């Protein structure tokens, strides 16, 4: 019969062999991720050119002092109100229907382009010139658009205000046209 094995010798790598194996692992990882590493190095180079790396080094080097200054700055009442207002504005931006806003922005850009081309003169616009301008279809459309916009701004939006009502009481959707025509004090 064979004898039982009592002593097991583990194969141990010498420090040089272990180092060589680790280097091969790193080399293979570098080759496998070559494009990502090159992009990362390019980004780091741009950060260095713009001074971001030295800014980050200074920030991390003086981390406690920077954190102390930030905490003191945020602790002021003005900062608290600023954060509150910022959150309110971000929430309000989320309610804007961009599809409805796009045509208005395109018209606004067109108007800005015309104003940029306008040559200022000493010539004054008379009342007759204003009435005459209303016959121009573009001017008439713009005035109609402005009046419609002003009517919309004059609507009662207190039911949609976020800062004065609980979320469950807010009306987030546009009121129906028939509901808009009813005065606010007559609505249900």
N, C-alpha and C. Protein backbone atom coordinates (compact mmCIF):
# COMPACT_ATOMS: atom_id res chain seq x y z
N UNK A 1 0.83 -1.18 0.00
CA UNK A 1 0.00 0.00 0.00
C UNK A 1 0.87 1.24 0.00
N UNK A 2 0.25 2.30 -0.53
CA UNK A 2 0.97 3.58 -0.61
C UNK A 2 0.83 4.34 0.69
N UNK A 3 1.82 5.13 0.95
CA UNK A 3 1.79 5.95 2.17
C UNK A 3 0.94 7.21 1.92
N UNK A 4 0.26 7.68 2.96
CA UNK A 4 -0.53 8.91 2.89
C UNK A 4 0.40 10.12 2.81
N UNK A 5 -0.06 11.10 2.05
CA UNK A 5 0.76 12.31 1.90
C UNK A 5 0.46 13.21 3.08
N UNK A 6 1.43 13.46 3.88
CA UNK A 6 1.27 14.30 5.06
C UNK A 6 1.80 15.71 4.84
N UNK A 7 2.76 15.86 4.01
CA UNK A 7 3.42 17.14 3.83
C UNK A 7 3.23 17.61 2.38
N UNK A 8 2.51 18.75 2.22
CA UNK A 8 2.28 19.28 0.87
C UNK A 8 3.16 20.50 0.70
N UNK A 9 3.94 20.46 -0.34
CA UNK A 9 4.79 21.61 -0.64
C UNK A 9 4.06 22.49 -1.64
N UNK A 10 3.81 23.71 -1.26
CA UNK A 10 3.16 24.67 -2.16
C UNK A 10 4.23 25.29 -3.04
N UNK A 11 3.81 25.47 -4.30
CA UNK A 11 4.73 26.08 -5.25
C UNK A 11 4.67 27.59 -5.04
N UNK A 12 5.75 28.18 -4.64
CA UNK A 12 5.80 29.61 -4.39
C UNK A 12 6.63 30.29 -5.45
N UNK A 13 6.09 31.45 -5.90
CA UNK A 13 6.82 32.23 -6.90
C UNK A 13 7.87 33.07 -6.20
N UNK A 14 8.98 33.19 -6.85
CA UNK A 14 10.00 34.09 -6.31
C UNK A 14 9.52 35.53 -6.53
N UNK A 15 10.02 36.48 -5.77
CA UNK A 15 9.60 37.88 -5.95
C UNK A 15 9.80 38.37 -7.38
N UNK A 16 10.85 37.92 -8.05
CA UNK A 16 11.08 38.35 -9.43
C UNK A 16 10.02 37.78 -10.37
N UNK A 17 9.67 36.49 -10.16
CA UNK A 17 8.64 35.86 -11.00
C UNK A 17 7.27 36.52 -10.77
N UNK A 18 6.96 36.81 -9.50
CA UNK A 18 5.69 37.46 -9.18
C UNK A 18 5.63 38.84 -9.83
N UNK A 19 6.72 39.57 -9.77
CA UNK A 19 6.79 40.90 -10.39
C UNK A 19 6.61 40.80 -11.91
N UNK A 20 7.26 39.79 -12.51
CA UNK A 20 7.15 39.60 -13.96
C UNK A 20 5.70 39.28 -14.34
N UNK A 21 5.02 38.43 -13.55
CA UNK A 21 3.62 38.08 -13.82
C UNK A 21 2.72 39.30 -13.69
N UNK A 22 2.94 40.12 -12.65
CA UNK A 22 2.15 41.35 -12.46
C UNK A 22 2.36 42.32 -13.62
N UNK A 23 3.60 42.46 -14.08
CA UNK A 23 3.89 43.35 -15.21
C UNK A 23 3.18 42.88 -16.49
N UNK A 24 3.15 41.56 -16.70
CA UNK A 24 2.45 41.02 -17.86
C UNK A 24 0.96 41.31 -17.77
N UNK A 25 0.37 41.18 -16.56
CA UNK A 25 -1.05 41.49 -16.36
C UNK A 25 -1.34 42.94 -16.69
N UNK A 26 -0.52 43.84 -16.19
CA UNK A 26 -0.70 45.28 -16.44
C UNK A 26 -0.53 45.57 -17.93
N UNK A 27 0.46 44.97 -18.53
CA UNK A 27 0.72 45.18 -19.96
C UNK A 27 -0.47 44.72 -20.80
N UNK A 28 -1.05 43.57 -20.48
CA UNK A 28 -2.21 43.06 -21.20
C UNK A 28 -3.42 43.99 -21.02
N UNK A 29 -3.61 44.49 -19.80
CA UNK A 29 -4.73 45.41 -19.55
C UNK A 29 -4.54 46.70 -20.33
N UNK A 30 -3.31 47.21 -20.41
CA UNK A 30 -3.03 48.42 -21.19
C UNK A 30 -3.32 48.20 -22.67
N UNK A 31 -2.92 47.05 -23.19
CA UNK A 31 -3.17 46.76 -24.61
C UNK A 31 -4.66 46.59 -24.87
N UNK A 32 -5.38 45.92 -23.97
CA UNK A 32 -6.82 45.71 -24.15
C UNK A 32 -7.60 47.02 -24.10
N UNK A 33 -7.15 48.00 -23.33
CA UNK A 33 -7.87 49.27 -23.15
C UNK A 33 -7.10 50.45 -23.73
N UNK A 34 -6.36 50.22 -24.77
CA UNK A 34 -5.47 51.23 -25.35
C UNK A 34 -6.23 52.51 -25.71
N UNK A 35 -7.35 52.40 -26.44
CA UNK A 35 -8.08 53.59 -26.90
C UNK A 35 -8.63 54.40 -25.73
N UNK A 36 -9.18 53.70 -24.75
CA UNK A 36 -9.73 54.40 -23.58
C UNK A 36 -8.64 55.14 -22.83
N UNK A 37 -7.51 54.51 -22.67
CA UNK A 37 -6.40 55.13 -21.93
C UNK A 37 -5.87 56.34 -22.68
N UNK A 38 -5.77 56.23 -24.01
CA UNK A 38 -5.30 57.37 -24.80
C UNK A 38 -6.27 58.55 -24.71
N UNK A 39 -7.58 58.27 -24.75
CA UNK A 39 -8.57 59.34 -24.59
C UNK A 39 -8.47 59.97 -23.21
N UNK A 40 -8.28 59.14 -22.20
CA UNK A 40 -8.14 59.65 -20.83
C UNK A 40 -6.91 60.54 -20.72
N UNK A 41 -5.82 60.13 -21.31
CA UNK A 41 -4.60 60.94 -21.27
C UNK A 41 -4.78 62.26 -22.02
N UNK A 42 -5.51 62.23 -23.13
CA UNK A 42 -5.81 63.46 -23.86
C UNK A 42 -6.64 64.41 -23.00
N UNK A 43 -7.66 63.86 -22.32
CA UNK A 43 -8.51 64.69 -21.44
C UNK A 43 -7.69 65.28 -20.30
N UNK A 44 -6.82 64.48 -19.71
CA UNK A 44 -5.97 64.97 -18.62
C UNK A 44 -5.03 66.06 -19.13
N UNK A 45 -4.51 65.89 -20.36
CA UNK A 45 -3.66 66.92 -20.97
C UNK A 45 -4.41 68.24 -21.14
N UNK A 46 -5.66 68.16 -21.58
CA UNK A 46 -6.47 69.38 -21.72
C UNK A 46 -6.74 70.02 -20.36
N UNK A 47 -7.00 69.18 -19.37
CA UNK A 47 -7.22 69.70 -18.01
C UNK A 47 -5.96 70.41 -17.51
N UNK A 48 -4.80 69.85 -17.81
CA UNK A 48 -3.54 70.47 -17.41
C UNK A 48 -3.35 71.81 -18.13
N UNK A 49 -3.64 71.83 -19.44
CA UNK A 49 -3.48 73.07 -20.21
C UNK A 49 -4.37 74.19 -19.67
N UNK A 50 -5.54 73.85 -19.20
CA UNK A 50 -6.49 74.86 -18.72
C UNK A 50 -6.29 75.19 -17.24
N UNK A 51 -5.38 74.51 -16.59
CA UNK A 51 -5.09 74.80 -15.18
C UNK A 51 -6.02 74.10 -14.21
N UNK A 52 -6.83 73.18 -14.70
CA UNK A 52 -7.78 72.50 -13.82
C UNK A 52 -7.06 71.56 -12.86
N UNK A 53 -6.01 70.92 -13.34
CA UNK A 53 -5.28 69.99 -12.46
C UNK A 53 -4.63 70.72 -11.29
N UNK A 54 -4.03 71.89 -11.56
CA UNK A 54 -3.42 72.62 -10.44
C UNK A 54 -4.49 73.13 -9.49
N UNK A 55 -5.66 73.49 -10.03
CA UNK A 55 -6.77 73.91 -9.18
C UNK A 55 -7.22 72.75 -8.29
N UNK A 56 -7.36 71.57 -8.89
CA UNK A 56 -7.77 70.39 -8.10
C UNK A 56 -6.71 70.02 -7.07
N UNK A 57 -5.44 70.10 -7.45
CA UNK A 57 -4.37 69.80 -6.50
C UNK A 57 -4.44 70.75 -5.31
N UNK A 58 -4.63 72.04 -5.58
CA UNK A 58 -4.76 73.01 -4.50
C UNK A 58 -5.99 72.76 -3.65
N UNK A 59 -7.09 72.39 -4.32
CA UNK A 59 -8.33 72.13 -3.61
C UNK A 59 -8.19 70.93 -2.68
N UNK A 60 -7.60 69.84 -3.19
CA UNK A 60 -7.42 68.65 -2.34
C UNK A 60 -6.34 68.88 -1.29
N UNK A 61 -5.34 69.67 -1.61
CA UNK A 61 -4.27 69.95 -0.64
C UNK A 61 -4.78 70.77 0.53
N UNK A 62 -5.72 71.65 0.27
CA UNK A 62 -6.27 72.52 1.32
C UNK A 62 -7.73 72.15 1.59
N UNK A 63 -8.07 70.88 1.48
CA UNK A 63 -9.44 70.40 1.57
C UNK A 63 -10.21 70.88 2.79
N UNK A 64 -9.59 70.81 3.97
CA UNK A 64 -10.29 71.22 5.18
C UNK A 64 -10.61 72.71 5.18
N UNK A 65 -9.66 73.52 4.74
CA UNK A 65 -9.89 74.97 4.69
C UNK A 65 -10.99 75.31 3.68
N UNK A 66 -10.93 74.66 2.51
CA UNK A 66 -11.94 74.92 1.47
C UNK A 66 -13.31 74.49 1.96
N UNK A 67 -13.41 73.33 2.57
CA UNK A 67 -14.67 72.84 3.09
C UNK A 67 -15.22 73.79 4.15
N UNK A 68 -14.36 74.32 5.01
CA UNK A 68 -14.77 75.26 6.04
C UNK A 68 -15.35 76.53 5.41
N UNK A 69 -14.68 77.05 4.37
CA UNK A 69 -15.18 78.26 3.69
C UNK A 69 -16.53 77.98 3.03
N UNK A 70 -16.67 76.81 2.38
CA UNK A 70 -17.94 76.47 1.74
C UNK A 70 -19.07 76.35 2.75
N UNK A 71 -18.81 75.71 3.87
CA UNK A 71 -19.85 75.55 4.90
C UNK A 71 -20.27 76.91 5.43
N UNK A 72 -19.31 77.80 5.67
CA UNK A 72 -19.64 79.15 6.16
C UNK A 72 -20.43 79.93 5.11
N UNK A 73 -20.09 79.76 3.83
CA UNK A 73 -20.80 80.47 2.77
C UNK A 73 -22.23 79.97 2.63
N UNK A 74 -22.44 78.68 2.74
CA UNK A 74 -23.77 78.10 2.60
C UNK A 74 -24.62 78.38 3.83
N UNK A 75 -23.99 78.64 4.95
CA UNK A 75 -24.71 78.86 6.20
C UNK A 75 -25.41 80.22 6.25
N UNK A 76 -25.08 81.12 5.33
CA UNK A 76 -25.69 82.45 5.32
C UNK A 76 -27.12 82.37 4.79
N UNK A 77 -28.02 83.26 5.28
CA UNK A 77 -29.42 83.24 4.83
C UNK A 77 -29.56 83.48 3.32
N UNK A 78 -28.68 84.31 2.76
CA UNK A 78 -28.77 84.59 1.32
C UNK A 78 -28.53 83.32 0.51
N UNK A 79 -27.58 82.52 0.97
CA UNK A 79 -27.27 81.27 0.25
C UNK A 79 -28.43 80.30 0.34
N UNK A 80 -29.07 80.25 1.49
CA UNK A 80 -30.23 79.37 1.65
C UNK A 80 -31.34 79.79 0.70
N UNK A 81 -31.60 81.09 0.62
CA UNK A 81 -32.63 81.59 -0.31
C UNK A 81 -32.24 81.33 -1.75
N UNK A 82 -30.95 81.46 -2.06
CA UNK A 82 -30.48 81.20 -3.43
C UNK A 82 -30.72 79.75 -3.80
N UNK A 83 -30.39 78.84 -2.91
CA UNK A 83 -30.61 77.41 -3.18
C UNK A 83 -32.09 77.12 -3.35
N UNK A 84 -32.91 77.71 -2.48
CA UNK A 84 -34.36 77.52 -2.57
C UNK A 84 -34.89 78.04 -3.91
N UNK A 85 -34.44 79.24 -4.31
CA UNK A 85 -34.88 79.82 -5.57
C UNK A 85 -34.41 78.99 -6.76
N UNK A 86 -33.18 78.49 -6.67
CA UNK A 86 -32.65 77.66 -7.75
C UNK A 86 -33.47 76.39 -7.91
N UNK A 87 -33.81 75.74 -6.81
CA UNK A 87 -34.63 74.54 -6.88
C UNK A 87 -36.02 74.84 -7.44
N UNK A 88 -36.58 75.98 -7.06
CA UNK A 88 -37.89 76.39 -7.58
C UNK A 88 -37.82 76.64 -9.08
N UNK A 89 -36.74 77.31 -9.53
CA UNK A 89 -36.59 77.59 -10.96
C UNK A 89 -36.40 76.30 -11.75
N UNK A 90 -35.62 75.37 -11.22
CA UNK A 90 -35.41 74.10 -11.91
C UNK A 90 -36.73 73.34 -12.00
N UNK A 91 -37.50 73.35 -10.94
CA UNK A 91 -38.81 72.69 -10.96
C UNK A 91 -39.75 73.35 -11.95
N UNK A 92 -39.70 74.66 -12.05
CA UNK A 92 -40.54 75.39 -13.00
C UNK A 92 -40.11 75.09 -14.43
N UNK A 93 -38.81 74.99 -14.67
CA UNK A 93 -38.32 74.65 -16.00
C UNK A 93 -38.84 73.28 -16.44
N UNK A 94 -39.04 72.40 -15.49
CA UNK A 94 -39.56 71.08 -15.82
C UNK A 94 -41.00 71.10 -16.28
N UNK A 95 -41.74 72.16 -15.96
CA UNK A 95 -43.14 72.24 -16.37
C UNK A 95 -43.32 72.91 -17.73
N UNK A 96 -42.26 73.48 -18.28
CA UNK A 96 -42.36 74.17 -19.57
C UNK A 96 -42.49 73.15 -20.69
N UNK A 97 -43.47 73.36 -21.56
CA UNK A 97 -43.65 72.49 -22.71
C UNK A 97 -42.77 73.03 -23.84
N UNK A 98 -41.66 72.36 -24.10
CA UNK A 98 -40.67 72.84 -25.06
C UNK A 98 -41.24 72.85 -26.48
N UNK A 99 -42.13 71.92 -26.79
CA UNK A 99 -42.72 71.88 -28.13
C UNK A 99 -43.55 73.13 -28.39
N UNK A 100 -44.22 73.65 -27.38
CA UNK A 100 -44.98 74.88 -27.54
C UNK A 100 -44.07 76.09 -27.55
N UNK A 101 -42.93 76.00 -26.90
CA UNK A 101 -42.01 77.12 -26.78
C UNK A 101 -41.15 77.29 -28.03
N UNK A 102 -40.90 76.22 -28.77
CA UNK A 102 -40.00 76.28 -29.93
C UNK A 102 -40.42 77.31 -30.97
N UNK A 103 -41.69 77.34 -31.43
CA UNK A 103 -42.05 78.36 -32.43
C UNK A 103 -41.84 79.79 -31.92
N UNK A 104 -42.14 80.01 -30.66
CA UNK A 104 -41.94 81.34 -30.08
C UNK A 104 -40.47 81.72 -30.08
N UNK A 105 -39.59 80.77 -29.72
CA UNK A 105 -38.15 81.05 -29.71
C UNK A 105 -37.62 81.32 -31.11
N UNK A 106 -38.13 80.60 -32.10
CA UNK A 106 -37.71 80.84 -33.48
C UNK A 106 -38.11 82.25 -33.93
N UNK A 107 -39.32 82.66 -33.56
CA UNK A 107 -39.77 84.02 -33.90
C UNK A 107 -38.95 85.06 -33.15
N UNK A 108 -38.62 84.78 -31.91
CA UNK A 108 -37.79 85.68 -31.12
C UNK A 108 -36.42 85.84 -31.76
N UNK A 109 -35.82 84.73 -32.20
CA UNK A 109 -34.52 84.79 -32.89
C UNK A 109 -34.60 85.61 -34.16
N UNK A 110 -35.68 85.44 -34.91
CA UNK A 110 -35.87 86.21 -36.14
C UNK A 110 -35.97 87.70 -35.83
N UNK A 111 -36.72 88.04 -34.77
CA UNK A 111 -36.84 89.44 -34.37
C UNK A 111 -35.51 90.02 -33.93
N UNK A 112 -34.73 89.25 -33.18
CA UNK A 112 -33.42 89.71 -32.73
C UNK A 112 -32.50 89.94 -33.93
N UNK A 113 -32.58 89.05 -34.92
CA UNK A 113 -31.75 89.21 -36.12
C UNK A 113 -32.10 90.50 -36.86
N UNK A 114 -33.39 90.83 -36.94
CA UNK A 114 -33.79 92.07 -37.61
C UNK A 114 -33.33 93.30 -36.83
N UNK A 115 -33.42 93.23 -35.51
CA UNK A 115 -32.97 94.36 -34.69
C UNK A 115 -31.46 94.55 -34.86
N UNK A 116 -30.72 93.46 -34.99
CA UNK A 116 -29.27 93.56 -35.17
C UNK A 116 -28.93 94.23 -36.50
N UNK A 117 -29.78 94.05 -37.52
CA UNK A 117 -29.55 94.65 -38.83
C UNK A 117 -30.01 96.11 -38.88
N UNK A 118 -30.83 96.53 -37.92
CA UNK A 118 -31.43 97.86 -37.93
C UNK A 118 -30.36 98.94 -37.77
N UNK A 119 -30.41 99.91 -38.65
CA UNK A 119 -29.51 101.07 -38.57
C UNK A 119 -30.27 102.20 -37.87
N UNK A 120 -29.72 102.68 -36.80
CA UNK A 120 -30.38 103.73 -36.03
C UNK A 120 -30.29 105.06 -36.77
N UNK A 121 -31.44 105.75 -36.83
CA UNK A 121 -31.49 107.05 -37.49
C UNK A 121 -32.20 108.03 -36.55
N UNK A 122 -32.16 109.29 -36.95
CA UNK A 122 -32.84 110.32 -36.16
C UNK A 122 -34.32 110.40 -36.52
N UNK A 123 -34.75 109.65 -37.51
CA UNK A 123 -36.13 109.66 -37.97
C UNK A 123 -37.04 109.10 -36.89
N UNK A 124 -38.12 109.80 -36.58
CA UNK A 124 -39.05 109.38 -35.55
C UNK A 124 -40.24 108.67 -36.20
N UNK A 125 -40.81 107.71 -35.45
CA UNK A 125 -41.98 106.98 -35.93
C UNK A 125 -43.22 107.73 -35.45
N UNK A 126 -44.09 108.08 -36.40
CA UNK A 126 -45.33 108.81 -36.05
C UNK A 126 -46.45 107.80 -35.79
N UNK A 127 -47.58 108.33 -35.30
CA UNK A 127 -48.76 107.49 -35.08
C UNK A 127 -49.24 106.91 -36.41
N UNK A 128 -49.17 107.71 -37.45
CA UNK A 128 -49.58 107.25 -38.77
C UNK A 128 -48.68 106.09 -39.22
N UNK A 129 -47.39 106.18 -38.94
CA UNK A 129 -46.46 105.09 -39.30
C UNK A 129 -46.83 103.80 -38.55
N UNK A 130 -47.24 103.93 -37.28
CA UNK A 130 -47.65 102.75 -36.51
C UNK A 130 -48.90 102.09 -37.10
N UNK A 131 -49.89 102.92 -37.46
CA UNK A 131 -51.12 102.39 -38.04
C UNK A 131 -50.81 101.76 -39.40
N UNK A 132 -49.95 102.40 -40.15
CA UNK A 132 -49.56 101.89 -41.46
C UNK A 132 -48.81 100.56 -41.31
N UNK A 133 -47.99 100.43 -40.26
CA UNK A 133 -47.22 99.21 -40.03
C UNK A 133 -48.14 98.04 -39.67
N UNK A 134 -49.30 98.33 -39.05
CA UNK A 134 -50.23 97.26 -38.69
C UNK A 134 -50.83 96.59 -39.92
N UNK A 135 -50.77 97.24 -41.07
CA UNK A 135 -51.27 96.64 -42.31
C UNK A 135 -50.29 95.59 -42.85
N UNK A 136 -49.05 95.68 -42.42
CA UNK A 136 -48.04 94.69 -42.83
C UNK A 136 -48.38 93.37 -42.12
N UNK A 137 -48.54 92.26 -42.89
CA UNK A 137 -48.93 90.98 -42.27
C UNK A 137 -47.95 90.50 -41.20
N UNK A 138 -46.66 90.72 -41.38
CA UNK A 138 -45.68 90.28 -40.37
C UNK A 138 -45.85 91.05 -39.07
N UNK A 139 -46.03 92.36 -39.17
CA UNK A 139 -46.23 93.19 -37.98
C UNK A 139 -47.53 92.82 -37.30
N UNK A 140 -48.57 92.60 -38.10
CA UNK A 140 -49.87 92.24 -37.54
C UNK A 140 -49.79 90.92 -36.80
N UNK A 141 -49.10 89.93 -37.37
CA UNK A 141 -48.94 88.64 -36.69
C UNK A 141 -48.16 88.82 -35.39
N UNK A 142 -47.13 89.65 -35.42
CA UNK A 142 -46.32 89.87 -34.21
C UNK A 142 -47.14 90.55 -33.12
N UNK A 143 -47.94 91.55 -33.49
CA UNK A 143 -48.78 92.25 -32.50
C UNK A 143 -49.82 91.29 -31.93
N UNK A 144 -50.42 90.47 -32.81
CA UNK A 144 -51.40 89.48 -32.34
C UNK A 144 -50.74 88.49 -31.40
N UNK A 145 -49.56 88.04 -31.74
CA UNK A 145 -48.81 87.12 -30.88
C UNK A 145 -48.52 87.77 -29.52
N UNK A 146 -48.11 89.03 -29.55
CA UNK A 146 -47.81 89.75 -28.31
C UNK A 146 -49.06 89.90 -27.45
N UNK A 147 -50.18 90.23 -28.06
CA UNK A 147 -51.43 90.39 -27.30
C UNK A 147 -51.84 89.05 -26.69
N UNK A 148 -51.71 87.96 -27.46
CA UNK A 148 -52.05 86.63 -26.95
C UNK A 148 -51.13 86.27 -25.79
N UNK A 149 -49.85 86.60 -25.92
CA UNK A 149 -48.89 86.34 -24.85
C UNK A 149 -49.27 87.13 -23.59
N UNK A 150 -49.63 88.39 -23.76
CA UNK A 150 -50.01 89.23 -22.62
C UNK A 150 -51.28 88.70 -21.95
N UNK A 151 -52.23 88.20 -22.73
CA UNK A 151 -53.43 87.60 -22.14
C UNK A 151 -53.05 86.38 -21.31
N UNK A 152 -52.13 85.58 -21.83
CA UNK A 152 -51.68 84.41 -21.09
C UNK A 152 -50.98 84.80 -19.80
N UNK A 153 -50.20 85.86 -19.84
CA UNK A 153 -49.52 86.32 -18.62
C UNK A 153 -50.52 86.86 -17.61
N UNK A 154 -51.66 87.36 -18.09
CA UNK A 154 -52.66 87.91 -17.19
C UNK A 154 -53.57 86.87 -16.56
N UNK A 155 -53.46 85.61 -17.02
CA UNK A 155 -54.30 84.56 -16.46
C UNK A 155 -54.00 84.32 -14.99
N UNK A 156 -55.02 83.84 -14.27
CA UNK A 156 -54.83 83.48 -12.87
C UNK A 156 -54.11 82.14 -12.80
N UNK A 157 -52.89 82.14 -12.33
CA UNK A 157 -52.10 80.90 -12.24
C UNK A 157 -51.87 80.49 -10.80
N UNK A 158 -52.63 81.07 -9.88
CA UNK A 158 -52.41 80.75 -8.47
C UNK A 158 -52.64 79.27 -8.17
N UNK A 159 -53.50 78.61 -8.97
CA UNK A 159 -53.74 77.18 -8.74
C UNK A 159 -52.54 76.33 -9.14
N UNK A 160 -51.62 76.89 -9.96
CA UNK A 160 -50.47 76.13 -10.43
C UNK A 160 -49.19 76.46 -9.67
N UNK A 161 -49.23 77.47 -8.80
CA UNK A 161 -48.02 77.90 -8.10
C UNK A 161 -47.55 76.82 -7.14
N UNK A 162 -46.26 76.52 -7.19
CA UNK A 162 -45.70 75.45 -6.38
C UNK A 162 -45.34 75.92 -4.98
N UNK A 163 -44.94 77.17 -4.85
CA UNK A 163 -44.43 77.60 -3.56
C UNK A 163 -45.53 78.00 -2.59
N UNK A 164 -46.79 78.03 -3.04
CA UNK A 164 -47.87 78.41 -2.14
C UNK A 164 -48.84 77.27 -1.86
N UNK A 165 -48.64 76.10 -2.53
CA UNK A 165 -49.56 75.00 -2.35
C UNK A 165 -48.81 73.68 -2.17
N UNK A 166 -49.50 72.74 -1.56
CA UNK A 166 -48.96 71.39 -1.43
C UNK A 166 -48.96 70.73 -2.80
N UNK A 167 -48.03 69.81 -3.07
CA UNK A 167 -47.96 69.16 -4.38
C UNK A 167 -49.27 68.50 -4.81
N UNK A 168 -50.00 67.90 -3.89
CA UNK A 168 -51.24 67.22 -4.29
C UNK A 168 -52.35 68.20 -4.68
N UNK A 169 -52.22 69.48 -4.28
CA UNK A 169 -53.23 70.48 -4.61
C UNK A 169 -52.91 71.26 -5.88
N UNK A 170 -51.75 71.03 -6.46
CA UNK A 170 -51.32 71.81 -7.63
C UNK A 170 -51.97 71.29 -8.90
N UNK A 171 -52.31 72.22 -9.78
CA UNK A 171 -52.77 71.86 -11.12
C UNK A 171 -51.57 72.02 -12.03
N UNK A 172 -51.05 70.93 -12.49
CA UNK A 172 -49.83 71.00 -13.31
C UNK A 172 -50.16 71.11 -14.80
N UNK A 173 -51.36 70.77 -15.20
CA UNK A 173 -51.68 70.77 -16.61
C UNK A 173 -52.43 72.03 -16.99
N UNK A 174 -52.35 72.36 -18.25
CA UNK A 174 -53.00 73.55 -18.77
C UNK A 174 -54.50 73.44 -18.58
N UNK A 175 -55.13 74.54 -18.16
CA UNK A 175 -56.58 74.54 -17.99
C UNK A 175 -57.25 74.46 -19.36
N UNK A 176 -58.42 73.85 -19.39
CA UNK A 176 -59.18 73.79 -20.62
C UNK A 176 -59.63 75.20 -21.01
N UNK A 177 -59.85 75.43 -22.30
CA UNK A 177 -60.20 76.76 -22.78
C UNK A 177 -61.47 77.27 -22.13
N UNK A 178 -62.49 76.41 -22.01
CA UNK A 178 -63.75 76.84 -21.40
C UNK A 178 -63.55 77.22 -19.94
N UNK A 179 -62.65 76.51 -19.25
CA UNK A 179 -62.37 76.80 -17.86
C UNK A 179 -61.63 78.13 -17.72
N UNK A 180 -60.79 78.47 -18.75
CA UNK A 180 -60.04 79.71 -18.71
C UNK A 180 -60.95 80.93 -18.90
N UNK A 181 -62.03 80.74 -19.64
CA UNK A 181 -62.93 81.86 -19.92
C UNK A 181 -63.78 82.23 -18.72
N UNK A 182 -63.90 81.33 -17.74
CA UNK A 182 -64.69 81.60 -16.54
C UNK A 182 -63.84 82.42 -15.58
N UNK A 183 -64.36 83.52 -15.04
CA UNK A 183 -63.57 84.32 -14.08
C UNK A 183 -63.16 83.47 -12.88
N UNK A 184 -61.97 83.77 -12.30
CA UNK A 184 -61.43 82.96 -11.19
C UNK A 184 -62.38 82.82 -10.01
N UNK A 185 -63.15 83.86 -9.70
CA UNK A 185 -64.04 83.78 -8.53
C UNK A 185 -65.30 82.96 -8.82
N UNK A 186 -65.56 82.60 -10.07
CA UNK A 186 -66.74 81.80 -10.45
C UNK A 186 -66.39 80.33 -10.64
N UNK A 187 -65.08 79.99 -10.62
CA UNK A 187 -64.67 78.60 -10.84
C UNK A 187 -64.99 77.77 -9.60
N UNK A 188 -65.15 76.46 -9.85
CA UNK A 188 -65.48 75.54 -8.75
C UNK A 188 -64.29 75.32 -7.85
